[in-house]
C-alpha atoms as a PDB file:
ATOM      1  CA  MET A   1     -60.818 -35.438  31.276  1.00  0.00           C
ATOM      2  CA  ALA A   2     -63.397 -33.261  32.633  1.00  0.00           C
ATOM      3  CA  THR A   3     -64.463 -29.987  30.891  1.00  0.00           C
ATOM      4  CA  LEU A   4     -64.290 -26.804  32.735  1.00  0.00           C
ATOM      5  CA  THR A   5     -67.272 -24.548  33.027  1.00  0.00           C
ATOM      6  CA  HIS A   6     -66.963 -20.852  31.822  1.00  0.00           C
ATOM      7  CA  SER A   7     -66.587 -19.644  35.418  1.00  0.00           C
ATOM      8  CA  GLU A   8     -63.763 -21.950  36.359  1.00  0.00           C
ATOM      9  CA  VAL A   9     -61.393 -20.999  33.454  1.00  0.00           C
ATOM     10  CA  PRO A  10     -60.422 -17.553  34.877  1.00  0.00           C
ATOM     11  CA  VAL A  11     -60.050 -19.126  38.300  1.00  0.00           C
ATOM     12  CA  ARG A  12     -57.678 -21.850  37.136  1.00  0.00           C
ATOM     13  CA  ALA A  13     -55.791 -19.288  35.012  1.00  0.00           C
ATOM     14  CA  ALA A  14     -55.277 -17.145  38.169  1.00  0.00           C
ATOM     15  CA  LEU A  15     -54.141 -19.908  40.194  1.00  0.00           C
ATOM     16  CA  MET A  16     -51.450 -20.964  37.575  1.00  0.00           C
ATOM     17  CA  HIS A  17     -50.379 -17.317  37.244  1.00  0.00           C
ATOM     18  CA  ASN A  18     -50.006 -17.211  41.097  1.00  0.00           C
ATOM     19  CA  LEU A  19     -48.382 -20.547  41.234  1.00  0.00           C
ATOM     20  CA  ARG A  20     -45.863 -19.488  38.662  1.00  0.00           C
ATOM     21  CA  ASP A  21     -45.093 -16.224  40.493  1.00  0.00           C
ATOM     22  CA  ALA A  22     -44.691 -18.162  43.752  1.00  0.00           C
ATOM     23  CA  VAL A  23     -42.165 -20.512  42.179  1.00  0.00           C
ATOM     24  CA  ILE A  24     -40.122 -17.617  40.661  1.00  0.00           C
ATOM     25  CA  ALA A  25     -40.040 -16.004  43.885  1.00  0.00           C
ATOM     26  CA  ALA A  26     -38.801 -18.871  45.723  1.00  0.00           C
ATOM     27  CA  VAL A  27     -36.163 -19.578  43.271  1.00  0.00           C
ATOM     28  CA  LEU A  28     -34.939 -16.038  43.388  1.00  0.00           C
ATOM     29  CA  THR A  29     -35.073 -16.239  47.327  1.00  0.00           C
ATOM     30  CA  ALA A  30     -32.908 -19.337  47.062  1.00  0.00           C
ATOM     31  CA  LEU A  31     -30.402 -17.595  44.818  1.00  0.00           C
ATOM     32  CA  VAL A  32     -30.215 -14.624  47.283  1.00  0.00           C
ATOM     33  CA  THR A  33     -30.165 -16.555  50.502  1.00  0.00           C
ATOM     34  CA  ILE A  34     -27.688 -19.342  49.549  1.00  0.00           C
ATOM     35  CA  PRO A  35     -24.517 -17.231  49.860  1.00  0.00           C
ATOM     36  CA  ILE A  36     -25.880 -15.185  52.612  1.00  0.00           C
ATOM     37  CA  PHE A  37     -27.399 -17.809  55.045  1.00  0.00           C
ATOM     38  CA  GLY A  38     -26.796 -21.140  53.389  1.00  0.00           C
ATOM     39  CA  LEU A  39     -22.910 -21.160  53.383  1.00  0.00           C
ATOM     40  CA  HIS A  40     -20.876 -20.413  56.537  1.00  0.00           C
ATOM     41  CA  LEU A  41     -17.154 -20.202  56.880  1.00  0.00           C
ATOM     42  CA  GLU A  42     -15.746 -21.926  59.872  1.00  0.00           C
ATOM     43  CA  ARG A  43     -12.150 -21.939  61.017  1.00  0.00           C
ATOM     44  CA  ALA A  44     -10.584 -25.172  62.049  1.00  0.00           C
ATOM     45  CA  GLY A  45      -7.150 -24.243  63.191  1.00  0.00           C
ATOM     46  CA  ALA A  46      -5.319 -23.080  60.020  1.00  0.00           C
ATOM     47  CA  ARG A  47      -7.982 -24.486  57.713  1.00  0.00           C
ATOM     48  CA  THR A  48     -11.243 -22.696  56.706  1.00  0.00           C
ATOM     49  CA  VAL A  49     -13.977 -24.735  55.454  1.00  0.00           C
ATOM     50  CA  ILE A  50     -17.436 -23.979  54.096  1.00  0.00           C
ATOM     51  CA  VAL A  51     -20.212 -25.433  55.963  1.00  0.00           C
ATOM     52  CA  PRO A  52     -23.685 -25.541  54.288  1.00  0.00           C
ATOM     53  CA  HIS A  53     -26.867 -24.605  56.283  1.00  0.00           C
ATOM     54  CA  TRP A  54     -29.560 -25.806  53.872  1.00  0.00           C
ATOM     55  CA  SER A  55     -32.376 -25.731  56.313  1.00  0.00           C
ATOM     56  CA  THR A  56     -32.329 -21.939  56.690  1.00  0.00           C
ATOM     57  CA  VAL A  57     -32.387 -21.579  52.822  1.00  0.00           C
ATOM     58  CA  ALA A  58     -35.387 -24.072  52.672  1.00  0.00           C
ATOM     59  CA  TRP A  59     -37.392 -22.072  55.439  1.00  0.00           C
ATOM     60  CA  ALA A  60     -36.847 -18.826  53.591  1.00  0.00           C
ATOM     61  CA  CYS A  61     -37.919 -20.361  50.280  1.00  0.00           C
ATOM     62  CA  ALA A  62     -41.012 -22.059  51.693  1.00  0.00           C
ATOM     63  CA  LEU A  63     -42.076 -18.882  53.686  1.00  0.00           C
ATOM     64  CA  VAL A  64     -41.832 -16.626  50.315  1.00  0.00           C
ATOM     65  CA  PHE A  65     -43.528 -19.357  48.207  1.00  0.00           C
ATOM     66  CA  VAL A  66     -46.487 -19.586  50.692  1.00  0.00           C
ATOM     67  CA  VAL A  67     -46.851 -15.770  51.005  1.00  0.00           C
ATOM     68  CA  GLN A  68     -46.648 -15.201  47.341  1.00  0.00           C
ATOM     69  CA  LEU A  69     -49.154 -17.868  46.785  1.00  0.00           C
ATOM     70  CA  LEU A  70     -51.420 -16.328  49.336  1.00  0.00           C
ATOM     71  CA  ARG A  71     -50.856 -12.801  48.274  1.00  0.00           C
ATOM     72  CA  PRO A  72     -54.117 -12.335  46.262  1.00  0.00           C
ATOM     73  CA  TRP A  73     -56.214 -13.564  49.055  1.00  0.00           C
ATOM     74  CA  LEU A  74     -54.322 -11.570  51.698  1.00  0.00           C
ATOM     75  CA  ALA A  75     -54.724  -8.499  49.562  1.00  0.00           C
ATOM     76  CA  ARG A  76     -58.495  -8.805  49.400  1.00  0.00           C
ATOM     77  CA  ALA A  77     -58.644  -9.602  53.162  1.00  0.00           C
ATOM     78  CA  TRP A  78     -56.523  -6.497  53.940  1.00  0.00           C
ATOM     79  CA  ALA A  79     -58.768  -4.335  51.828  1.00  0.00           C
ATOM     80  CA  ARG A  80     -61.953  -5.448  53.622  1.00  0.00           C
ATOM     81  CA  ALA A  81     -60.377  -4.932  56.980  1.00  0.00           C
ATOM     82  CA  PRO A  82     -61.982  -2.153  59.045  1.00  0.00           C
ATOM     83  CA  ARG A  83     -60.162   0.986  59.270  1.00  0.00           C
ATOM     84  CA  ILE A  84     -59.361   2.919  62.466  1.00  0.00           C
ATOM     85  CA  GLN A  85     -60.410   6.493  62.364  1.00  0.00           C
ATOM     86  CA  ARG A  86     -57.844   8.950  63.661  1.00  0.00           C
ATOM     87  CA  ARG A  87     -58.692  12.037  65.606  1.00  0.00           C
ATOM     88  CA  ALA A  88     -57.715  15.352  63.829  1.00  0.00           C
END
């Protein structure tokens, strides 16, 4: 096992923290989107059946995971973006 240098420890801890937050956000997204987007009621004559649409839930979870994982980088990029001066 390779030893980490002093400067790599905070980077690794930050990455693990961001990864944990991204996983938690994706799980919460799944819990919210499954009943809303994942399960659809369809009428078939006198019968009503629940048809799952898991691809919508998977796309929502993947999107939230990626955005949460990249959030610190996006925040730094947004802070460095040039500001437009408004006229008074």
